[in-house]
PDB file of N, CA and C in Angstrom:
ATOM      1  N   MET A   1     145.414 178.468 170.341  1.00  0.00           N
ATOM      2  CA  MET A   1     146.001 177.654 171.390  1.00  0.00           C
ATOM      3  C   MET A   1     146.253 178.545 172.600  1.00  0.00           C
ATOM      4  N   THR A   2     145.883 178.057 173.766  1.00  0.00           N
ATOM      5  CA  THR A   2     146.048 178.788 175.017  1.00  0.00           C
ATOM      6  C   THR A   2     146.745 177.889 176.027  1.00  0.00           C
ATOM      7  N   VAL A   3     147.722 178.455 176.732  1.00  0.00           N
ATOM      8  CA  VAL A   3     148.452 177.732 177.771  1.00  0.00           C
ATOM      9  C   VAL A   3     148.403 178.570 179.042  1.00  0.00           C
ATOM     10  N   ILE A   4     148.018 177.961 180.153  1.00  0.00           N
ATOM     11  CA  ILE A   4     148.048 178.613 181.460  1.00  0.00           C
ATOM     12  C   ILE A   4     148.932 177.768 182.367  1.00  0.00           C
ATOM     13  N   VAL A   5     149.900 178.418 183.005  1.00  0.00           N
ATOM     14  CA  VAL A   5     150.816 177.743 183.924  1.00  0.00           C
ATOM     15  C   VAL A   5     150.593 178.327 185.311  1.00  0.00           C
ATOM     16  N   LEU A   6     150.253 177.464 186.264  1.00  0.00           N
ATOM     17  CA  LEU A   6     150.022 177.880 187.646  1.00  0.00           C
ATOM     18  C   LEU A   6     151.127 177.340 188.536  1.00  0.00           C
ATOM     19  N   THR A   7     151.565 178.164 189.485  1.00  0.00           N
ATOM     20  CA  THR A   7     152.564 177.753 190.458  1.00  0.00           C
ATOM     21  C   THR A   7     152.051 178.111 191.841  1.00  0.00           C
ATOM     22  N   ASN A   8     151.987 177.138 192.743  1.00  0.00           N
ATOM     23  CA  ASN A   8     151.587 177.356 194.129  1.00  0.00           C
ATOM     24  C   ASN A   8     150.185 177.953 194.231  1.00  0.00           C
ATOM     25  N   CYS A   9     149.253 177.442 193.444  1.00  0.00           N
ATOM     26  CA  CYS A   9     147.871 177.913 193.456  1.00  0.00           C
ATOM     27  C   CYS A   9     146.973 176.879 194.121  1.00  0.00           C
ATOM     28  N   PRO A  10     145.809 177.287 194.614  1.00  0.00           N
ATOM     29  CA  PRO A  10     144.891 176.350 195.266  1.00  0.00           C
ATOM     30  C   PRO A  10     144.400 175.257 194.316  1.00  0.00           C
ATOM     31  N   ALA A  11     144.109 174.094 194.881  1.00  0.00           N
ATOM     32  CA  ALA A  11     143.640 172.966 194.080  1.00  0.00           C
ATOM     33  C   ALA A  11     142.283 173.252 193.449  1.00  0.00           C
ATOM     34  N   GLY A  12     141.464 174.064 194.110  1.00  0.00           N
ATOM     35  CA  GLY A  12     140.157 174.410 193.558  1.00  0.00           C
ATOM     36  C   GLY A  12     140.263 175.174 192.255  1.00  0.00           C
ATOM     37  N   LEU A  13     141.277 176.011 192.134  1.00  0.00           N
ATOM     38  CA  LEU A  13     141.492 176.746 190.883  1.00  0.00           C
ATOM     39  C   LEU A  13     141.889 175.789 189.767  1.00  0.00           C
ATOM     40  N   ARG A  14     142.713 174.813 190.091  1.00  0.00           N
ATOM     41  CA  ARG A  14     143.092 173.812 189.092  1.00  0.00           C
ATOM     42  C   ARG A  14     141.877 173.025 188.632  1.00  0.00           C
ATOM     43  N   GLY A  15     140.995 172.660 189.569  1.00  0.00           N
ATOM     44  CA  GLY A  15     139.781 171.958 189.208  1.00  0.00           C
ATOM     45  C   GLY A  15     138.856 172.807 188.354  1.00  0.00           C
ATOM     46  N   PHE A  16     138.804 174.103 188.657  1.00  0.00           N
ATOM     47  CA  PHE A  16     137.990 175.026 187.872  1.00  0.00           C
ATOM     48  C   PHE A  16     138.480 175.094 186.424  1.00  0.00           C
ATOM     49  N   LEU A  17     139.786 175.152 186.235  1.00  0.00           N
ATOM     50  CA  LEU A  17     140.337 175.267 184.875  1.00  0.00           C
ATOM     51  C   LEU A  17     140.150 173.986 184.055  1.00  0.00           C
ATOM     52  N   THR A  18     140.039 172.838 184.718  1.00  0.00           N
ATOM     53  CA  THR A  18     139.877 171.592 183.962  1.00  0.00           C
ATOM     54  C   THR A  18     138.518 171.491 183.291  1.00  0.00           C
ATOM     55  N   ARG A  19     137.610 172.400 183.584  1.00  0.00           N
ATOM     56  CA  ARG A  19     136.327 172.411 182.884  1.00  0.00           C
ATOM     57  C   ARG A  19     136.495 172.818 181.426  1.00  0.00           C
ATOM     58  N   TRP A  20     137.472 173.700 181.145  1.00  0.00           N
ATOM     59  CA  TRP A  20     137.646 174.206 179.782  1.00  0.00           C
ATOM     60  C   TRP A  20     138.983 173.841 179.162  1.00  0.00           C
ATOM     61  N   LEU A  21     139.956 173.492 179.982  1.00  0.00           N
ATOM     62  CA  LEU A  21     141.293 173.207 179.470  1.00  0.00           C
ATOM     63  C   LEU A  21     141.739 171.826 179.932  1.00  0.00           C
ATOM     64  N   LEU A  22     142.710 171.265 179.241  1.00  0.00           N
ATOM     65  CA  LEU A  22     143.270 169.965 179.574  1.00  0.00           C
ATOM     66  C   LEU A  22     144.535 170.168 180.402  1.00  0.00           C
ATOM     67  N   GLU A  23     144.634 169.501 181.547  1.00  0.00           N
ATOM     68  CA  GLU A  23     145.828 169.610 182.392  1.00  0.00           C
ATOM     69  C   GLU A  23     146.831 168.557 181.941  1.00  0.00           C
ATOM     70  N   ILE A  24     147.849 168.994 181.195  1.00  0.00           N
ATOM     71  CA  ILE A  24     148.811 168.052 180.611  1.00  0.00           C
ATOM     72  C   ILE A  24     149.941 167.710 181.571  1.00  0.00           C
ATOM     73  N   SER A  25     150.150 168.529 182.574  1.00  0.00           N
ATOM     74  CA  SER A  25     151.149 168.314 183.612  1.00  0.00           C
ATOM     75  C   SER A  25     150.654 169.075 184.835  1.00  0.00           C
ATOM     76  N   PRO A  26     151.101 168.748 186.035  1.00  0.00           N
ATOM     77  CA  PRO A  26     150.592 169.478 187.196  1.00  0.00           C
ATOM     78  C   PRO A  26     150.801 170.991 187.068  1.00  0.00           C
ATOM     79  N   GLY A  27     149.707 171.717 187.014  1.00  0.00           N
ATOM     80  CA  GLY A  27     149.760 173.167 186.921  1.00  0.00           C
ATOM     81  C   GLY A  27     149.877 173.718 185.520  1.00  0.00           C
ATOM     82  N   VAL A  28     149.901 172.870 184.492  1.00  0.00           N
ATOM     83  CA  VAL A  28     150.018 173.323 183.103  1.00  0.00           C
ATOM     84  C   VAL A  28     148.738 172.941 182.364  1.00  0.00           C
ATOM     85  N   PHE A  29     148.025 173.945 181.880  1.00  0.00           N
ATOM     86  CA  PHE A  29     146.730 173.739 181.228  1.00  0.00           C
ATOM     87  C   PHE A  29     146.828 174.170 179.773  1.00  0.00           C
ATOM     88  N   LEU A  30     146.212 173.390 178.887  1.00  0.00           N
ATOM     89  CA  LEU A  30     146.311 173.605 177.456  1.00  0.00           C
ATOM     90  C   LEU A  30     144.938 173.462 176.833  1.00  0.00           C
ATOM     91  N   GLY A  31     144.621 174.318 175.877  1.00  0.00           N
ATOM     92  CA  GLY A  31     143.341 174.229 175.185  1.00  0.00           C
ATOM     93  C   GLY A  31     143.209 175.332 174.156  1.00  0.00           C
ATOM     94  N   SER A  32     142.040 175.383 173.528  1.00  0.00           N
ATOM     95  CA  SER A  32     141.807 176.427 172.530  1.00  0.00           C
ATOM     96  C   SER A  32     140.413 177.031 172.718  1.00  0.00           C
ATOM     97  N   PRO A  33     140.192 177.718 173.853  1.00  0.00           N
ATOM     98  CA  PRO A  33     138.904 178.382 174.049  1.00  0.00           C
ATOM     99  C   PRO A  33     138.833 179.660 173.221  1.00  0.00           C
ATOM    100  N   SER A  34     137.645 180.223 173.110  1.00  0.00           N
ATOM    101  CA  SER A  34     137.496 181.492 172.397  1.00  0.00           C
ATOM    102  C   SER A  34     138.161 182.598 173.213  1.00  0.00           C
ATOM    103  N   ALA A  35     138.354 183.748 172.570  1.00  0.00           N
ATOM    104  CA  ALA A  35     139.008 184.867 173.243  1.00  0.00           C
ATOM    105  C   ALA A  35     138.193 185.330 174.437  1.00  0.00           C
ATOM    106  N   ARG A  36     136.890 185.299 174.316  1.00  0.00           N
ATOM    107  CA  ARG A  36     136.031 185.721 175.417  1.00  0.00           C
ATOM    108  C   ARG A  36     136.172 184.781 176.608  1.00  0.00           C
ATOM    109  N   VAL A  37     136.136 183.486 176.373  1.00  0.00           N
ATOM    110  CA  VAL A  37     136.288 182.514 177.455  1.00  0.00           C
ATOM    111  C   VAL A  37     137.693 182.610 178.052  1.00  0.00           C
ATOM    112  N   ARG A  38     138.707 182.794 177.208  1.00  0.00           N
ATOM    113  CA  ARG A  38     140.090 182.932 177.697  1.00  0.00           C
ATOM    114  C   ARG A  38     140.205 184.111 178.653  1.00  0.00           C
ATOM    115  N   ASP A  39     139.606 185.258 178.317  1.00  0.00           N
ATOM    116  CA  ASP A  39     139.672 186.423 179.190  1.00  0.00           C
ATOM    117  C   ASP A  39     138.926 186.193 180.496  1.00  0.00           C
ATOM    118  N   ILE A  40     137.801 185.505 180.441  1.00  0.00           N
ATOM    119  CA  ILE A  40     137.057 185.188 181.663  1.00  0.00           C
ATOM    120  C   ILE A  40     137.871 184.242 182.545  1.00  0.00           C
ATOM    121  N   LEU A  41     138.506 183.236 181.929  1.00  0.00           N
ATOM    122  CA  LEU A  41     139.337 182.310 182.694  1.00  0.00           C
ATOM    123  C   LEU A  41     140.509 183.043 183.349  1.00  0.00           C
ATOM    124  N   TRP A  42     141.118 183.961 182.620  1.00  0.00           N
ATOM    125  CA  TRP A  42     142.258 184.700 183.162  1.00  0.00           C
ATOM    126  C   TRP A  42     141.826 185.589 184.335  1.00  0.00           C
ATOM    127  N   ASP A  43     140.645 186.193 184.240  1.00  0.00           N
ATOM    128  CA  ASP A  43     140.135 186.990 185.361  1.00  0.00           C
ATOM    129  C   ASP A  43     139.918 186.118 186.590  1.00  0.00           C
ATOM    130  N   GLU A  44     139.392 184.905 186.395  1.00  0.00           N
ATOM    131  CA  GLU A  44     139.187 183.983 187.504  1.00  0.00           C
ATOM    132  C   GLU A  44     140.525 183.531 188.100  1.00  0.00           C
ATOM    133  N   VAL A  45     141.509 183.281 187.246  1.00  0.00           N
ATOM    134  CA  VAL A  45     142.830 182.867 187.727  1.00  0.00           C
ATOM    135  C   VAL A  45     143.434 183.979 188.579  1.00  0.00           C
ATOM    136  N   ARG A  46     143.357 185.208 188.106  1.00  0.00           N
ATOM    137  CA  ARG A  46     143.915 186.337 188.868  1.00  0.00           C
ATOM    138  C   ARG A  46     143.196 186.525 190.198  1.00  0.00           C
ATOM    139  N   GLN A  47     141.897 186.288 190.218  1.00  0.00           N
ATOM    140  CA  GLN A  47     141.122 186.501 191.429  1.00  0.00           C
ATOM    141  C   GLN A  47     141.369 185.414 192.467  1.00  0.00           C
ATOM    142  N   TYR A  48     141.504 184.159 192.039  1.00  0.00           N
ATOM    143  CA  TYR A  48     141.567 183.037 192.977  1.00  0.00           C
ATOM    144  C   TYR A  48     142.946 182.392 193.101  1.00  0.00           C
ATOM    145  N   SER A  49     143.983 183.013 192.604  1.00  0.00           N
ATOM    146  CA  SER A  49     145.306 182.381 192.662  1.00  0.00           C
ATOM    147  C   SER A  49     145.927 182.428 194.049  1.00  0.00           C
ATOM    148  N   GLY A  50     145.422 183.256 194.945  1.00  0.00           N
ATOM    149  CA  GLY A  50     145.950 183.307 196.307  1.00  0.00           C
ATOM    150  C   GLY A  50     147.394 183.767 196.317  1.00  0.00           C
ATOM    151  N   GLN A  51     148.262 182.993 196.955  1.00  0.00           N
ATOM    152  CA  GLN A  51     149.686 183.332 197.038  1.00  0.00           C
ATOM    153  C   GLN A  51     150.470 182.847 195.815  1.00  0.00           C
ATOM    154  N   GLY A  52     149.795 182.203 194.877  1.00  0.00           N
ATOM    155  CA  GLY A  52     150.476 181.612 193.728  1.00  0.00           C
ATOM    156  C   GLY A  52     150.755 182.592 192.610  1.00  0.00           C
ATOM    157  N   ARG A  53     151.409 182.061 191.586  1.00  0.00           N
ATOM    158  CA  ARG A  53     151.730 182.832 190.387  1.00  0.00           C
ATOM    159  C   ARG A  53     151.045 182.192 189.201  1.00  0.00           C
ATOM    160  N   ALA A  54     150.847 182.989 188.160  1.00  0.00           N
ATOM    161  CA  ALA A  54     150.191 182.465 186.964  1.00  0.00           C
ATOM    162  C   ALA A  54     150.790 183.104 185.726  1.00  0.00           C
ATOM    163  N   LEU A  55     150.802 182.340 184.640  1.00  0.00           N
ATOM    164  CA  LEU A  55     151.293 182.804 183.346  1.00  0.00           C
ATOM    165  C   LEU A  55     150.318 182.321 182.284  1.00  0.00           C
ATOM    166  N   LEU A  56     149.917 183.219 181.407  1.00  0.00           N
ATOM    167  CA  LEU A  56     148.994 182.896 180.315  1.00  0.00           C
ATOM    168  C   LEU A  56     149.698 183.194 179.006  1.00  0.00           C
ATOM    169  N   ALA A  57     149.721 182.223 178.104  1.00  0.00           N
ATOM    170  CA  ALA A  57     150.281 182.418 176.757  1.00  0.00           C
ATOM    171  C   ALA A  57     149.225 181.992 175.753  1.00  0.00           C
ATOM    172  N   TYR A  58     149.026 182.819 174.733  1.00  0.00           N
ATOM    173  CA  TYR A  58     148.031 182.486 173.717  1.00  0.00           C
ATOM    174  C   TYR A  58     148.464 183.006 172.361  1.00  0.00           C
ATOM    175  N   GLN A  59     147.820 182.498 171.336  1.00  0.00           N
ATOM    176  CA  GLN A  59     148.178 182.754 169.952  1.00  0.00           C
ATOM    177  C   GLN A  59     147.618 184.102 169.492  1.00  0.00           C
ATOM    178  N   THR A  60     148.452 184.875 168.768  1.00  0.00           N
ATOM    179  CA  THR A  60     148.027 186.142 168.159  1.00  0.00           C
ATOM    180  C   THR A  60     148.573 186.215 166.744  1.00  0.00           C
ATOM    181  N   ASP A  61     148.186 187.268 166.034  1.00  0.00           N
ATOM    182  CA  ASP A  61     148.613 187.407 164.643  1.00  0.00           C
ATOM    183  C   ASP A  61     149.968 188.093 164.492  1.00  0.00           C
ATOM    184  N   GLU A  62     150.270 189.088 165.324  1.00  0.00           N
ATOM    185  CA  GLU A  62     151.488 189.869 165.144  1.00  0.00           C
ATOM    186  C   GLU A  62     152.754 189.054 165.346  1.00  0.00           C
ATOM    187  N   GLN A  63     152.993 188.623 166.578  1.00  0.00           N
ATOM    188  CA  GLN A  63     154.219 187.910 166.925  1.00  0.00           C
ATOM    189  C   GLN A  63     154.034 186.398 166.843  1.00  0.00           C
ATOM    190  N   GLY A  64     152.795 185.972 166.749  1.00  0.00           N
ATOM    191  CA  GLY A  64     152.491 184.550 166.753  1.00  0.00           C
ATOM    192  C   GLY A  64     151.958 184.102 168.098  1.00  0.00           C
ATOM    193  N   PHE A  65     152.357 184.799 169.165  1.00  0.00           N
ATOM    194  CA  PHE A  65     151.863 184.522 170.502  1.00  0.00           C
ATOM    195  C   PHE A  65     152.098 185.752 171.370  1.00  0.00           C
ATOM    196  N   THR A  66     151.416 185.790 172.479  1.00  0.00           N
ATOM    197  CA  THR A  66     151.648 186.812 173.501  1.00  0.00           C
ATOM    198  C   THR A  66     151.357 186.193 174.851  1.00  0.00           C
ATOM    199  N   PHE A  67     151.721 186.878 175.911  1.00  0.00           N
ATOM    200  CA  PHE A  67     151.526 186.305 177.232  1.00  0.00           C
ATOM    201  C   PHE A  67     151.229 187.392 178.240  1.00  0.00           C
ATOM    202  N   ARG A  68     150.629 186.934 179.355  1.00  0.00           N
ATOM    203  CA  ARG A  68     150.324 187.787 180.498  1.00  0.00           C
ATOM    204  C   ARG A  68     150.822 187.080 181.748  1.00  0.00           C
ATOM    205  N   THR A  69     151.185 187.862 182.748  1.00  0.00           N
ATOM    206  CA  THR A  69     151.650 187.278 184.000  1.00  0.00           C
ATOM    207  C   THR A  69     150.866 187.856 185.164  1.00  0.00           C
ATOM    208  N   HIS A  70     150.809 187.100 186.253  1.00  0.00           N
ATOM    209  CA  HIS A  70     150.168 187.560 187.485  1.00  0.00           C
ATOM    210  C   HIS A  70     151.051 187.166 188.662  1.00  0.00           C
ATOM    211  N   ASP A  71     151.462 188.154 189.470  1.00  0.00           N
ATOM    212  CA  ASP A  71     152.335 187.961 190.636  1.00  0.00           C
ATOM    213  C   ASP A  71     153.594 187.184 190.275  1.00  0.00           C
ATOM    214  N   HIS A  72     154.179 187.519 189.159  1.00  0.00           N
ATOM    215  CA  HIS A  72     155.366 186.842 188.655  1.00  0.00           C
ATOM    216  C   HIS A  72     156.530 187.819 188.705  1.00  0.00           C
ATOM    217  N   ALA A  73     157.732 187.338 188.969  1.00  0.00           N
ATOM    218  CA  ALA A  73     158.896 188.212 189.007  1.00  0.00           C
ATOM    219  C   ALA A  73     159.260 188.706 187.603  1.00  0.00           C
ATOM    220  N   TRP A  74     158.932 187.935 186.585  1.00  0.00           N
ATOM    221  CA  TRP A  74     159.233 188.330 185.208  1.00  0.00           C
ATOM    222  C   TRP A  74     158.018 189.053 184.639  1.00  0.00           C
ATOM    223  N   HIS A  75     158.251 190.185 183.986  1.00  0.00           N
ATOM    224  CA  HIS A  75     157.160 190.994 183.461  1.00  0.00           C
ATOM    225  C   HIS A  75     157.292 191.152 181.954  1.00  0.00           C
ATOM    226  N   PRO A  76     156.184 191.044 181.208  1.00  0.00           N
ATOM    227  CA  PRO A  76     156.243 191.256 179.763  1.00  0.00           C
ATOM    228  C   PRO A  76     156.488 192.734 179.453  1.00  0.00           C
ATOM    229  N   THR A  77     157.395 192.982 178.530  1.00  0.00           N
ATOM    230  CA  THR A  77     157.674 194.344 178.083  1.00  0.00           C
ATOM    231  C   THR A  77     157.678 194.358 176.565  1.00  0.00           C
ATOM    232  N   ASP A  78     157.282 195.485 176.011  1.00  0.00           N
ATOM    233  CA  ASP A  78     157.258 195.645 174.565  1.00  0.00           C
ATOM    234  C   ASP A  78     158.597 196.221 174.127  1.00  0.00           C
ATOM    235  N   HIS A  79     159.268 195.550 173.211  1.00  0.00           N
ATOM    236  CA  HIS A  79     160.558 196.006 172.700  1.00  0.00           C
ATOM    237  C   HIS A  79     160.488 196.017 171.178  1.00  0.00           C
ATOM    238  N   GLU A  80     160.264 197.199 170.615  1.00  0.00           N
ATOM    239  CA  GLU A  80     160.187 197.398 169.169  1.00  0.00           C
ATOM    240  C   GLU A  80     159.197 196.446 168.512  1.00  0.00           C
ATOM    241  N   GLY A  81     158.026 196.304 169.124  1.00  0.00           N
ATOM    242  CA  GLY A  81     156.981 195.476 168.551  1.00  0.00           C
ATOM    243  C   GLY A  81     156.985 194.031 168.989  1.00  0.00           C
ATOM    244  N   LEU A  82     158.021 193.598 169.678  1.00  0.00           N
ATOM    245  CA  LEU A  82     158.090 192.235 170.198  1.00  0.00           C
ATOM    246  C   LEU A  82     157.817 192.250 171.694  1.00  0.00           C
ATOM    247  N   THR A  83     157.041 191.306 172.173  1.00  0.00           N
ATOM    248  CA  THR A  83     156.797 191.180 173.602  1.00  0.00           C
ATOM    249  C   THR A  83     157.835 190.234 174.175  1.00  0.00           C
ATOM    250  N   LEU A  84     158.622 190.741 175.101  1.00  0.00           N
ATOM    251  CA  LEU A  84     159.675 189.957 175.729  1.00  0.00           C
ATOM    252  C   LEU A  84     159.442 189.932 177.228  1.00  0.00           C
ATOM    253  N   LEU A  85     159.981 188.919 177.897  1.00  0.00           N
ATOM    254  CA  LEU A  85     159.894 188.853 179.352  1.00  0.00           C
ATOM    255  C   LEU A  85     161.114 189.541 179.944  1.00  0.00           C
ATOM    256  N   HIS A  86     160.866 190.491 180.832  1.00  0.00           N
ATOM    257  CA  HIS A  86     161.948 191.193 181.516  1.00  0.00           C
ATOM    258  C   HIS A  86     162.179 190.511 182.858  1.00  0.00           C
ATOM    259  N   ARG A  87     163.360 189.985 183.028  1.00  0.00           N
ATOM    260  CA  ARG A  87     163.722 189.321 184.276  1.00  0.00           C
ATOM    261  C   ARG A  87     164.564 190.274 185.096  1.00  0.00           C
ATOM    262  N   PRO A  88     164.147 190.603 186.319  1.00  0.00           N
ATOM    263  CA  PRO A  88     164.945 191.514 187.135  1.00  0.00           C
ATOM    264  C   PRO A  88     166.284 190.881 187.495  1.00  0.00           C
ATOM    265  N   ALA A  89     167.294 191.707 187.541  1.00  0.00           N
ATOM    266  CA  ALA A  89     168.633 191.215 187.857  1.00  0.00           C
ATOM    267  C   ALA A  89     168.712 190.831 189.324  1.00  0.00           C
ATOM    268  N   ALA A  90     169.342 189.718 189.575  1.00  0.00           N
ATOM    269  CA  ALA A  90     169.519 189.261 190.955  1.00  0.00           C
ATOM    270  C   ALA A  90     170.626 190.078 191.600  1.00  0.00           C
ATOM    271  N   PRO A  91     170.443 190.472 192.841  1.00  0.00           N
ATOM    272  CA  PRO A  91     171.508 191.232 193.502  1.00  0.00           C
ATOM    273  C   PRO A  91     172.726 190.343 193.707  1.00  0.00           C
ATOM    274  N   SER A  92     173.847 190.816 193.241  1.00  0.00           N
ATOM    275  CA  SER A  92     175.069 190.016 193.369  1.00  0.00           C
ATOM    276  C   SER A  92     175.826 190.454 194.617  1.00  0.00           C
ATOM    277  N   ARG A  93     176.379 189.476 195.291  1.00  0.00           N
ATOM    278  CA  ARG A  93     177.141 189.740 196.504  1.00  0.00           C
ATOM    279  C   ARG A  93     178.620 189.678 196.152  1.00  0.00           C
ATOM    280  N   PRO A  94     179.363 190.754 196.404  1.00  0.00           N
ATOM    281  CA  PRO A  94     180.798 190.703 196.100  1.00  0.00           C
ATOM    282  C   PRO A  94     181.504 189.737 197.045  1.00  0.00           C
ATOM    283  N   ARG A  95     182.510 189.071 196.532  1.00  0.00           N
ATOM    284  CA  ARG A  95     183.275 188.129 197.353  1.00  0.00           C
ATOM    285  C   ARG A  95     184.147 188.884 198.333  1.00  0.00           C
ATOM    286  N   ALA A  96     184.143 188.456 199.543  1.00  0.00           N
ATOM    287  CA  ALA A  96     184.995 189.057 200.569  1.00  0.00           C
ATOM    288  C   ALA A  96     186.359 188.373 200.533  1.00  0.00           C
ATOM    289  N   GLU A  97     187.339 189.050 201.071  1.00  0.00           N
ATOM    290  CA  GLU A  97     188.692 188.486 201.098  1.00  0.00           C
ATOM    291  C   GLU A  97     188.763 187.262 202.001  1.00  0.00           C
ATOM    292  N   THR A  98     187.853 187.170 202.975  1.00  0.00           N
ATOM    293  CA  THR A  98     187.901 186.039 203.905  1.00  0.00           C
ATOM    294  C   THR A  98     187.165 184.813 203.378  1.00  0.00           C
ATOM    295  N   ASP A  99     186.431 184.942 202.269  1.00  0.00           N
ATOM    296  CA  ASP A  99     185.730 183.789 201.708  1.00  0.00           C
ATOM    297  C   ASP A  99     186.739 182.760 201.213  1.00  0.00           C
ATOM    298  N   PRO A 100     186.521 181.494 201.522  1.00  0.00           N
ATOM    299  CA  PRO A 100     187.436 180.475 201.007  1.00  0.00           C
ATOM    300  C   PRO A 100     187.253 180.335 199.491  1.00  0.00           C
ATOM    301  N   PRO A 101     188.293 179.891 198.797  1.00  0.00           N
ATOM    302  CA  PRO A 101     188.140 179.703 197.352  1.00  0.00           C
ATOM    303  C   PRO A 101     187.078 178.646 197.071  1.00  0.00           C
ATOM    304  N   ARG A 102     186.398 178.803 195.976  1.00  0.00           N
ATOM    305  CA  ARG A 102     185.355 177.854 195.599  1.00  0.00           C
ATOM    306  C   ARG A 102     185.965 176.503 195.261  1.00  0.00           C
ATOM    307  N   GLN A 103     185.259 175.462 195.703  1.00  0.00           N
ATOM    308  CA  GLN A 103     185.718 174.108 195.414  1.00  0.00           C
ATOM    309  C   GLN A 103     185.229 173.717 194.028  1.00  0.00           C
ATOM    310  N   GLY A 104     186.112 173.294 193.173  1.00  0.00           N
ATOM    311  CA  GLY A 104     185.740 172.901 191.826  1.00  0.00           C
ATOM    312  C   GLY A 104     186.399 171.597 191.432  1.00  0.00           C
ATOM    313  N   TRP A 105     186.235 171.228 190.166  1.00  0.00           N
ATOM    314  CA  TRP A 105     186.779 169.976 189.664  1.00  0.00           C
ATOM    315  C   TRP A 105     187.960 170.196 188.741  1.00  0.00           C
ATOM    316  N   SER A 106     188.386 171.437 188.587  1.00  0.00           N
ATOM    317  CA  SER A 106     189.517 171.698 187.701  1.00  0.00           C
ATOM    318  C   SER A 106     190.816 171.223 188.364  1.00  0.00           C
ATOM    319  N   LYS A 107     191.868 171.144 187.574  1.00  0.00           N
ATOM    320  CA  LYS A 107     193.163 170.713 188.111  1.00  0.00           C
ATOM    321  C   LYS A 107     193.688 171.718 189.126  1.00  0.00           C
ATOM    322  N   ALA A 108     193.459 173.002 188.878  1.00  0.00           N
ATOM    323  CA  ALA A 108     193.919 174.027 189.816  1.00  0.00           C
ATOM    324  C   ALA A 108     193.184 173.905 191.153  1.00  0.00           C
ATOM    325  N   ALA A 109     191.892 173.602 191.116  1.00  0.00           N
ATOM    326  CA  ALA A 109     191.137 173.449 192.357  1.00  0.00           C
ATOM    327  C   ALA A 109     191.622 172.234 193.141  1.00  0.00           C
ATOM    328  N   LYS A 110     191.945 171.164 192.444  1.00  0.00           N
ATOM    329  CA  LYS A 110     192.457 169.970 193.124  1.00  0.00           C
ATOM    330  C   LYS A 110     193.809 170.259 193.764  1.00  0.00           C
ATOM    331  N   ARG A 111     194.664 171.040 193.087  1.00  0.00           N
ATOM    332  CA  ARG A 111     195.974 171.378 193.654  1.00  0.00           C
ATOM    333  C   ARG A 111     195.791 172.233 194.900  1.00  0.00           C
ATOM    334  N   ARG A 112     194.860 173.195 194.856  1.00  0.00           N
ATOM    335  CA  ARG A 112     194.624 174.032 196.039  1.00  0.00           C
ATOM    336  C   ARG A 112     194.092 173.186 197.199  1.00  0.00           C
ATOM    337  N   ARG A 113     193.200 172.268 196.892  1.00  0.00           N
ATOM    338  CA  ARG A 113     192.560 171.477 197.930  1.00  0.00           C
ATOM    339  C   ARG A 113     193.536 170.501 198.571  1.00  0.00           C
ATOM    340  N   PHE A 114     194.354 169.833 197.757  1.00  0.00           N
ATOM    341  CA  PHE A 114     195.202 168.777 198.272  1.00  0.00           C
ATOM    342  C   PHE A 114     196.657 169.228 198.459  1.00  0.00           C
ATOM    343  N   GLY A 115     196.972 170.480 198.112  1.00  0.00           N
ATOM    344  CA  GLY A 115     198.290 171.033 198.373  1.00  0.00           C
ATOM    345  C   GLY A 115     199.402 170.493 197.518  1.00  0.00           C
ATOM    346  N   ARG A 116     199.132 170.179 196.296  1.00  0.00           N
ATOM    347  CA  ARG A 116     200.212 169.676 195.423  1.00  0.00           C
ATOM    348  C   ARG A 116     200.727 170.728 194.518  1.00  0.00           C
TER     349      ARG A 116
END
C-alpha cells in the first residue's frame, strides 16, 4: 500500500499521479504500485512539485510502514530502529507585561472582564 499526500502542488502533477494511483481526496493518492514504480513516481513528485510539499508513506517489513518527505517542515528521523517525524519547535513569544489578559470562558475570566 502506498499513500502520497500533496499540498499546494500543480494540477498537472495530480493528473500525472492519477495514472497509477487513486485520488481518494484532493491531494491524497492511494494505491499499491511496485517498488520500482513507487520510486519513479516519487522522483517525479519531487521534480514537479514546485512550491508545494509532498509526503510518501508505504508498507515495509520492519516497522510496518515508512515515509519520505519533500519540502516539509517535519522530517523523518530514525530513533532506535523506529522512523518518527521530527517536528521543529515553534518559537514561543514571551508575554509582555503590557499584554492584556487573555479572554476566556472560565469564571475568573468573566470576573476580570465584567469587574465582579
